[in-house]
Amino acid sequence: MNNANNQFFDFMKSFVNPEVAMNSMKQMPAMDFSTFANVIKKNAEVLTTTNQMAAESMQSIVRRGAEVFQNNASQMFNAVKDVVSAGDLEQAAACQQNYMKSILENSVNNAKEIMDMSSKSSMEIFEVMGKSMAENMNKAFQHHNQKSK
């Protein structure tokens, strides 16, 4: 293989060449470190806010899960009471079937509700994060462009 015709080899040679690196750095716009630090600070604030949103969302989801669990336990207790007080085996079987049907329907609906809560909060968090960080970067570039004029 002829290294003279290998583009990757040429790229790597220029990449480790200090002269090429210095020339490419000269072409980069001057960086305002105070603006850069301000962007980092604002993005950290956004992360703090979104972490708080995530924690509050998780608390709501856990609270709703506890309510669902308590409701299911109550339904089971009532079903056991109905089965015990049933007059015959047919009534007891009907009570058990009604309980199983009810618990299945409720479980599906509750799982959907909790998934919707989770999805909605995730989308809100990502919207806040993306919008705020994009605004911070845009402000930094506008500030940089104004300074360089």
C-alpha atoms as a PDB file:
ATOM      1  CA  MET A   1       0.000   0.000   0.000  1.00  0.00           C
ATOM      2  CA  ASN A   2       1.324   3.384  -0.971  1.00  0.00           C
ATOM      3  CA  ASN A   3       0.997   5.832   1.950  1.00  0.00           C
ATOM      4  CA  ALA A   4       1.345   8.810  -0.376  1.00  0.00           C
ATOM      5  CA  ASN A   5      -2.122   8.078  -1.833  1.00  0.00           C
ATOM      6  CA  ASN A   6      -3.809   7.172   1.452  1.00  0.00           C
ATOM      7  CA  GLN A   7      -6.121  10.024   2.465  1.00  0.00           C
ATOM      8  CA  PHE A   8      -6.485   8.748   6.002  1.00  0.00           C
ATOM      9  CA  PHE A   9      -2.717   8.672   6.452  1.00  0.00           C
ATOM     10  CA  ASP A  10      -2.465  12.231   5.100  1.00  0.00           C
ATOM     11  CA  PHE A  11      -5.186  13.362   7.472  1.00  0.00           C
ATOM     12  CA  MET A  12      -3.451  11.747  10.446  1.00  0.00           C
ATOM     13  CA  LYS A  13      -0.116  13.324   9.494  1.00  0.00           C
ATOM     14  CA  SER A  14      -1.720  16.764   9.351  1.00  0.00           C
ATOM     15  CA  PHE A  15      -3.655  16.078  12.550  1.00  0.00           C
ATOM     16  CA  VAL A  16      -0.508  15.486  14.602  1.00  0.00           C
ATOM     17  CA  ASN A  17       1.425  18.253  12.888  1.00  0.00           C
ATOM     18  CA  PRO A  18       1.614  21.196  15.350  1.00  0.00           C
ATOM     19  CA  GLU A  19       1.875  23.734  12.555  1.00  0.00           C
ATOM     20  CA  VAL A  20      -1.377  22.547  10.962  1.00  0.00           C
ATOM     21  CA  ALA A  21      -3.075  22.512  14.373  1.00  0.00           C
ATOM     22  CA  MET A  22      -1.956  26.082  15.118  1.00  0.00           C
ATOM     23  CA  ASN A  23      -3.137  27.327  11.713  1.00  0.00           C
ATOM     24  CA  SER A  24      -6.548  25.751  12.208  1.00  0.00           C
ATOM     25  CA  MET A  25      -6.807  27.333  15.660  1.00  0.00           C
ATOM     26  CA  LYS A  26      -6.040  30.752  14.158  1.00  0.00           C
ATOM     27  CA  GLN A  27      -9.052  30.335  11.904  1.00  0.00           C
ATOM     28  CA  MET A  28     -11.354  29.692  14.860  1.00  0.00           C
ATOM     29  CA  PRO A  29     -13.192  32.729  16.216  1.00  0.00           C
ATOM     30  CA  ALA A  30     -11.881  34.109  19.485  1.00  0.00           C
ATOM     31  CA  MET A  31     -13.729  32.593  22.422  1.00  0.00           C
ATOM     32  CA  ASP A  32     -15.137  34.809  25.112  1.00  0.00           C
ATOM     33  CA  PHE A  33     -14.641  32.696  28.220  1.00  0.00           C
ATOM     34  CA  SER A  34     -16.992  34.765  30.377  1.00  0.00           C
ATOM     35  CA  THR A  35     -19.816  34.154  27.887  1.00  0.00           C
ATOM     36  CA  PHE A  36     -18.868  30.478  27.711  1.00  0.00           C
ATOM     37  CA  ALA A  37     -18.876  30.248  31.530  1.00  0.00           C
ATOM     38  CA  ASN A  38     -22.248  32.003  31.624  1.00  0.00           C
ATOM     39  CA  VAL A  39     -23.693  29.463  29.171  1.00  0.00           C
ATOM     40  CA  ILE A  40     -22.386  26.610  31.307  1.00  0.00           C
ATOM     41  CA  LYS A  41     -23.869  28.214  34.429  1.00  0.00           C
ATOM     42  CA  LYS A  42     -27.270  28.735  32.800  1.00  0.00           C
ATOM     43  CA  ASN A  43     -27.275  25.187  31.428  1.00  0.00           C
ATOM     44  CA  ALA A  44     -26.466  23.890  34.916  1.00  0.00           C
ATOM     45  CA  GLU A  45     -29.449  25.881  36.238  1.00  0.00           C
ATOM     46  CA  VAL A  46     -31.630  24.302  33.543  1.00  0.00           C
ATOM     47  CA  LEU A  47     -30.429  20.850  34.581  1.00  0.00           C
ATOM     48  CA  THR A  48     -31.228  21.657  38.213  1.00  0.00           C
ATOM     49  CA  THR A  49     -34.731  22.774  37.235  1.00  0.00           C
ATOM     50  CA  THR A  50     -35.360  19.733  35.059  1.00  0.00           C
ATOM     51  CA  ASN A  51     -34.024  17.406  37.761  1.00  0.00           C
ATOM     52  CA  GLN A  52     -36.492  18.971  40.177  1.00  0.00           C
ATOM     53  CA  MET A  53     -39.268  18.475  37.612  1.00  0.00           C
ATOM     54  CA  ALA A  54     -38.242  14.830  37.235  1.00  0.00           C
ATOM     55  CA  ALA A  55     -38.229  14.298  41.017  1.00  0.00           C
ATOM     56  CA  GLU A  56     -41.691  15.850  41.378  1.00  0.00           C
ATOM     57  CA  SER A  57     -42.975  13.747  38.490  1.00  0.00           C
ATOM     58  CA  MET A  58     -41.546  10.586  40.024  1.00  0.00           C
ATOM     59  CA  GLN A  59     -43.206  11.440  43.344  1.00  0.00           C
ATOM     60  CA  SER A  60     -46.562  11.861  41.579  1.00  0.00           C
ATOM     61  CA  ILE A  61     -46.143   8.553  39.768  1.00  0.00           C
ATOM     62  CA  VAL A  62     -45.158   6.721  42.967  1.00  0.00           C
ATOM     63  CA  ARG A  63     -48.069   8.334  44.829  1.00  0.00           C
ATOM     64  CA  ARG A  64     -50.477   7.231  42.080  1.00  0.00           C
ATOM     65  CA  GLY A  65     -48.986   3.727  42.159  1.00  0.00           C
ATOM     66  CA  ALA A  66     -49.589   3.576  45.922  1.00  0.00           C
ATOM     67  CA  GLU A  67     -53.201   4.667  45.400  1.00  0.00           C
ATOM     68  CA  VAL A  68     -53.643   1.938  42.789  1.00  0.00           C
ATOM     69  CA  PHE A  69     -52.141  -0.665  45.117  1.00  0.00           C
ATOM     70  CA  GLN A  70     -54.392   0.448  47.988  1.00  0.00           C
ATOM     71  CA  ASN A  71     -57.453   0.330  45.721  1.00  0.00           C
ATOM     72  CA  ASN A  72     -56.530  -3.165  44.476  1.00  0.00           C
ATOM     73  CA  ALA A  73     -56.076  -4.394  48.057  1.00  0.00           C
ATOM     74  CA  SER A  74     -59.463  -2.946  49.005  1.00  0.00           C
ATOM     75  CA  GLN A  75     -61.117  -4.602  45.998  1.00  0.00           C
ATOM     76  CA  MET A  76     -59.518  -7.924  46.901  1.00  0.00           C
ATOM     77  CA  PHE A  77     -60.714  -7.635  50.509  1.00  0.00           C
ATOM     78  CA  ASN A  78     -64.256  -6.879  49.303  1.00  0.00           C
ATOM     79  CA  ALA A  79     -64.136  -9.789  46.849  1.00  0.00           C
ATOM     80  CA  VAL A  80     -63.030 -12.186  49.608  1.00  0.00           C
ATOM     81  CA  LYS A  81     -65.900 -10.891  51.788  1.00  0.00           C
ATOM     82  CA  ASP A  82     -68.349 -11.464  48.931  1.00  0.00           C
ATOM     83  CA  VAL A  83     -67.039 -14.989  48.285  1.00  0.00           C
ATOM     84  CA  VAL A  84     -67.224 -15.904  51.978  1.00  0.00           C
ATOM     85  CA  SER A  85     -70.760 -14.543  52.311  1.00  0.00           C
ATOM     86  CA  ALA A  86     -71.950 -16.182  49.051  1.00  0.00           C
ATOM     87  CA  GLY A  87     -74.753 -18.674  49.461  1.00  0.00           C
ATOM     88  CA  ASP A  88     -73.355 -21.374  47.220  1.00  0.00           C
ATOM     89  CA  LEU A  89     -70.400 -22.261  45.002  1.00  0.00           C
ATOM     90  CA  GLU A  90     -71.984 -20.701  41.903  1.00  0.00           C
ATOM     91  CA  GLN A  91     -72.316 -17.307  43.602  1.00  0.00           C
ATOM     92  CA  ALA A  92     -68.763 -17.607  44.940  1.00  0.00           C
ATOM     93  CA  ALA A  93     -67.443 -18.397  41.443  1.00  0.00           C
ATOM     94  CA  ALA A  94     -69.395 -15.453  40.003  1.00  0.00           C
ATOM     95  CA  CYS A  95     -67.880 -13.143  42.659  1.00  0.00           C
ATOM     96  CA  GLN A  96     -64.390 -14.369  41.813  1.00  0.00           C
ATOM     97  CA  GLN A  97     -64.989 -13.905  38.079  1.00  0.00           C
ATOM     98  CA  ASN A  98     -66.296 -10.380  38.613  1.00  0.00           C
ATOM     99  CA  TYR A  99     -63.276  -9.570  40.767  1.00  0.00           C
ATOM    100  CA  MET A 100     -60.821 -10.956  38.191  1.00  0.00           C
ATOM    101  CA  LYS A 101     -62.536  -9.066  35.366  1.00  0.00           C
ATOM    102  CA  SER A 102     -62.560  -5.840  37.388  1.00  0.00           C
ATOM    103  CA  ILE A 103     -58.943  -6.136  38.533  1.00  0.00           C
ATOM    104  CA  LEU A 104     -57.760  -6.883  34.975  1.00  0.00           C
ATOM    105  CA  GLU A 105     -59.602  -3.889  33.491  1.00  0.00           C
ATOM    106  CA  ASN A 106     -58.417  -1.606  36.289  1.00  0.00           C
ATOM    107  CA  SER A 107     -54.833  -2.809  35.990  1.00  0.00           C
ATOM    108  CA  VAL A 108     -54.719  -2.067  32.277  1.00  0.00           C
ATOM    109  CA  ASN A 109     -56.306   1.367  32.756  1.00  0.00           C
ATOM    110  CA  ASN A 110     -54.045   2.216  35.693  1.00  0.00           C
ATOM    111  CA  ALA A 111     -50.924   1.116  33.815  1.00  0.00           C
ATOM    112  CA  LYS A 112     -51.958   3.274  30.858  1.00  0.00           C
ATOM    113  CA  GLU A 113     -52.582   6.238  33.169  1.00  0.00           C
ATOM    114  CA  ILE A 114     -49.183   5.882  34.841  1.00  0.00           C
ATOM    115  CA  MET A 115     -47.447   5.488  31.467  1.00  0.00           C
ATOM    116  CA  ASP A 116     -49.225   8.607  30.205  1.00  0.00           C
ATOM    117  CA  MET A 117     -48.123  10.518  33.314  1.00  0.00           C
ATOM    118  CA  SER A 118     -44.543   9.372  32.786  1.00  0.00           C
ATOM    119  CA  SER A 119     -44.550  10.160  29.076  1.00  0.00           C
ATOM    120  CA  LYS A 120     -46.080  13.598  29.580  1.00  0.00           C
ATOM    121  CA  SER A 121     -43.585  14.589  32.262  1.00  0.00           C
ATOM    122  CA  SER A 122     -40.659  13.298  30.176  1.00  0.00           C
ATOM    123  CA  MET A 123     -41.764  15.369  27.198  1.00  0.00           C
ATOM    124  CA  GLU A 124     -42.177  18.467  29.376  1.00  0.00           C
ATOM    125  CA  ILE A 125     -38.699  17.978  30.842  1.00  0.00           C
ATOM    126  CA  PHE A 126     -37.079  17.526  27.425  1.00  0.00           C
ATOM    127  CA  GLU A 127     -38.935  20.546  26.020  1.00  0.00           C
ATOM    128  CA  VAL A 128     -37.760  22.762  28.882  1.00  0.00           C
ATOM    129  CA  MET A 129     -34.223  21.427  28.637  1.00  0.00           C
ATOM    130  CA  GLY A 130     -33.954  21.701  24.862  1.00  0.00           C
ATOM    131  CA  LYS A 131     -35.567  25.117  24.610  1.00  0.00           C
ATOM    132  CA  SER A 132     -33.563  26.636  27.465  1.00  0.00           C
ATOM    133  CA  MET A 133     -30.221  25.238  26.371  1.00  0.00           C
ATOM    134  CA  ALA A 134     -30.816  26.309  22.769  1.00  0.00           C
ATOM    135  CA  GLU A 135     -31.722  29.821  23.951  1.00  0.00           C
ATOM    136  CA  ASN A 136     -28.561  29.953  26.071  1.00  0.00           C
ATOM    137  CA  MET A 137     -26.398  28.931  23.125  1.00  0.00           C
ATOM    138  CA  ASN A 138     -28.145  31.388  20.787  1.00  0.00           C
ATOM    139  CA  LYS A 139     -27.592  34.224  23.277  1.00  0.00           C
ATOM    140  CA  ALA A 140     -23.926  33.281  23.554  1.00  0.00           C
ATOM    141  CA  PHE A 141     -23.453  33.289  19.781  1.00  0.00           C
ATOM    142  CA  GLN A 142     -25.341  36.576  19.430  1.00  0.00           C
ATOM    143  CA  HIS A 143     -23.164  38.079  22.160  1.00  0.00           C
ATOM    144  CA  HIS A 144     -20.030  36.750  20.426  1.00  0.00           C
ATOM    145  CA  ASN A 145     -21.135  38.051  17.009  1.00  0.00           C
ATOM    146  CA  GLN A 146     -21.896  41.494  18.452  1.00  0.00           C
ATOM    147  CA  LYS A 147     -18.478  41.660  20.117  1.00  0.00           C
ATOM    148  CA  SER A 148     -16.619  40.618  16.987  1.00  0.00           C
ATOM    149  CA  LYS A 149     -18.194  43.364  14.844  1.00  0.00           C
END
